[in-house]
C-alpha atoms as a PDB file:
ATOM      1  CA  MET A   1      -8.627 183.597 -72.246  1.00  0.00           C
ATOM      2  CA  ASN A   2     -12.371 184.772 -72.071  1.00  0.00           C
ATOM      3  CA  LEU A   3     -12.050 188.258 -73.944  1.00  0.00           C
ATOM      4  CA  LEU A   4     -14.907 191.387 -73.169  1.00  0.00           C
ATOM      5  CA  LEU A   5     -14.928 191.995 -76.221  1.00  0.00           C
ATOM      6  CA  GLU A   6     -14.768 189.916 -79.808  1.00  0.00           C
ATOM      7  CA  LEU A   7     -14.865 191.408 -82.561  1.00  0.00           C
ATOM      8  CA  PRO A   8     -14.904 188.796 -85.677  1.00  0.00           C
ATOM      9  CA  SER A   9     -12.879 190.346 -88.452  1.00  0.00           C
ATOM     10  CA  ASP A  10     -15.144 189.980 -91.326  1.00  0.00           C
ATOM     11  CA  ASP A  11     -18.360 190.347 -89.561  1.00  0.00           C
ATOM     12  CA  THR A  12     -19.798 194.435 -90.083  1.00  0.00           C
ATOM     13  CA  GLU A  13     -22.943 193.288 -88.504  1.00  0.00           C
ATOM     14  CA  THR A  14     -21.645 192.072 -85.543  1.00  0.00           C
ATOM     15  CA  VAL A  15     -18.422 195.009 -85.080  1.00  0.00           C
ATOM     16  CA  LEU A  16     -21.543 197.459 -85.619  1.00  0.00           C
ATOM     17  CA  GLU A  17     -23.437 195.991 -82.907  1.00  0.00           C
ATOM     18  CA  GLU A  18     -20.793 195.577 -80.102  1.00  0.00           C
ATOM     19  CA  VAL A  19     -20.933 199.458 -81.064  1.00  0.00           C
ATOM     20  CA  ALA A  20     -24.228 200.738 -80.721  1.00  0.00           C
ATOM     21  CA  ARG A  21     -23.711 198.488 -76.757  1.00  0.00           C
ATOM     22  CA  PHE A  22     -21.371 199.764 -76.381  1.00  0.00           C
ATOM     23  CA  ARG A  23     -22.184 203.907 -76.471  1.00  0.00           C
ATOM     24  CA  LYS A  24     -25.860 202.483 -75.209  1.00  0.00           C
ATOM     25  CA  LEU A  25     -23.405 202.658 -71.699  1.00  0.00           C
ATOM     26  CA  SER A  26     -22.676 205.294 -69.350  1.00  0.00           C
ATOM     27  CA  PRO A  27     -19.586 207.848 -69.134  1.00  0.00           C
ATOM     28  CA  GLU A  28     -19.177 205.268 -65.338  1.00  0.00           C
ATOM     29  CA  ALA A  29     -19.712 201.786 -67.775  1.00  0.00           C
ATOM     30  CA  ARG A  30     -17.453 203.213 -70.484  1.00  0.00           C
ATOM     31  CA  ILE A  31     -14.347 204.011 -68.102  1.00  0.00           C
ATOM     32  CA  ARG A  32     -14.997 200.875 -66.280  1.00  0.00           C
ATOM     33  CA  PHE A  33     -14.909 198.077 -69.124  1.00  0.00           C
ATOM     34  CA  LEU A  34     -12.190 200.593 -71.129  1.00  0.00           C
ATOM     35  CA  SER A  35     -10.307 199.931 -67.002  1.00  0.00           C
ATOM     36  CA  GLU A  36     -11.065 195.893 -67.806  1.00  0.00           C
ATOM     37  CA  LEU A  37     -10.262 195.852 -71.590  1.00  0.00           C
ATOM     38  CA  PHE A  38      -7.038 197.658 -70.608  1.00  0.00           C
ATOM     39  CA  GLN A  39      -6.051 195.345 -67.722  1.00  0.00           C
ATOM     40  CA  GLU A  40      -6.633 192.273 -69.805  1.00  0.00           C
ATOM     41  CA  TYR A  41      -4.490 193.284 -72.733  1.00  0.00           C
ATOM     42  CA  GLN A  42      -2.208 193.593 -69.674  1.00  0.00           C
ATOM     43  CA  GLN A  43      -2.557 189.855 -68.403  1.00  0.00           C
ATOM     44  CA  PHE A  44      -2.012 189.733 -72.278  1.00  0.00           C
ATOM     45  CA  LEU A  45       1.277 190.521 -72.425  1.00  0.00           C
ATOM     46  CA  ALA A  46       2.338 189.792 -69.210  1.00  0.00           C
ATOM     47  CA  ASN A  47       1.771 186.052 -70.264  1.00  0.00           C
ATOM     48  CA  PRO A  48       5.023 184.465 -70.431  1.00  0.00           C
ATOM     49  CA  SER A  49       4.303 182.486 -73.722  1.00  0.00           C
ATOM     50  CA  PHE A  50       3.237 186.237 -75.813  1.00  0.00           C
ATOM     51  CA  SER A  51       6.787 186.744 -75.324  1.00  0.00           C
ATOM     52  CA  ASP A  52       7.708 183.612 -76.047  1.00  0.00           C
ATOM     53  CA  VAL A  53       6.263 184.402 -79.817  1.00  0.00           C
ATOM     54  CA  ALA A  54       7.300 188.185 -79.592  1.00  0.00           C
ATOM     55  CA  ALA A  55      10.570 186.975 -79.234  1.00  0.00           C
ATOM     56  CA  ALA A  56      10.204 184.091 -82.245  1.00  0.00           C
ATOM     57  CA  LEU A  57       8.728 187.126 -83.975  1.00  0.00           C
ATOM     58  CA  ALA A  58      11.482 190.075 -83.627  1.00  0.00           C
ATOM     59  CA  GLU A  59      13.656 187.112 -84.031  1.00  0.00           C
ATOM     60  CA  GLU A  60      12.254 186.374 -87.709  1.00  0.00           C
ATOM     61  CA  GLU A  61      12.158 189.659 -88.487  1.00  0.00           C
ATOM     62  CA  GLU A  62      16.123 190.468 -88.095  1.00  0.00           C
ATOM     63  CA  LEU A  63      17.099 187.665 -90.050  1.00  0.00           C
ATOM     64  CA  GLY A  64      15.072 188.337 -93.139  1.00  0.00           C
ATOM     65  CA  ARG A  65      16.658 192.011 -92.683  1.00  0.00           C
ATOM     66  CA  LYS A  66      20.040 190.345 -92.509  1.00  0.00           C
ATOM     67  CA  ALA A  67      19.121 188.355 -95.489  1.00  0.00           C
ATOM     68  CA  ILE A  68      17.256 192.238 -97.670  1.00  0.00           C
ATOM     69  CA  LYS A  69      21.004 193.664 -96.961  1.00  0.00           C
ATOM     70  CA  GLU A  70      22.671 190.191 -97.631  1.00  0.00           C
ATOM     71  CA  PHE A  71      21.087 190.291-101.151  1.00  0.00           C
ATOM     72  CA  VAL A  72      20.812 193.969-102.013  1.00  0.00           C
ATOM     73  CA  ALA A  73      24.860 193.966-101.601  1.00  0.00           C
ATOM     74  CA  ARG A  74      25.414 190.535-103.830  1.00  0.00           C
ATOM     75  CA  HIS A  75      23.441 192.046-106.559  1.00  0.00           C
ATOM     76  CA  SER A  76      24.626 195.942-106.003  1.00  0.00           C
ATOM     77  CA  GLU A  77      27.775 194.907-107.521  1.00  0.00           C
ATOM     78  CA  ASN A  78      28.601 193.374-110.773  1.00  0.00           C
ATOM     79  CA  SER A  79      31.586 189.708-112.283  1.00  0.00           C
ATOM     80  CA  ASP A  80      33.799 191.911-111.683  1.00  0.00           C
ATOM     81  CA  GLY A  81      33.336 193.351-107.539  1.00  0.00           C
ATOM     82  CA  ASN A  82      32.545 197.073-108.846  1.00  0.00           C
ATOM     83  CA  ALA A  83      29.924 198.639-108.084  1.00  0.00           C
ATOM     84  CA  ARG A  84      26.923 199.085-110.531  1.00  0.00           C
END
């Protein structure tokens, strides 16, 4: 996917250049740019592979929650089965 805006995570100089380029745009061009960026985002979210990844991440997160609850329940009782 070729995005309109690519911001590397660690390259501050590049980010500042992209910001400066955006600020030089006219208000109409800014709106057009943001609209196109939003449309790309919507297409990305609609991508079946994204929804598969999102579902897998949600399932993994739920398994993590379950494991934490079980851990807390297991360790909140002493050897007699009574709560501490």
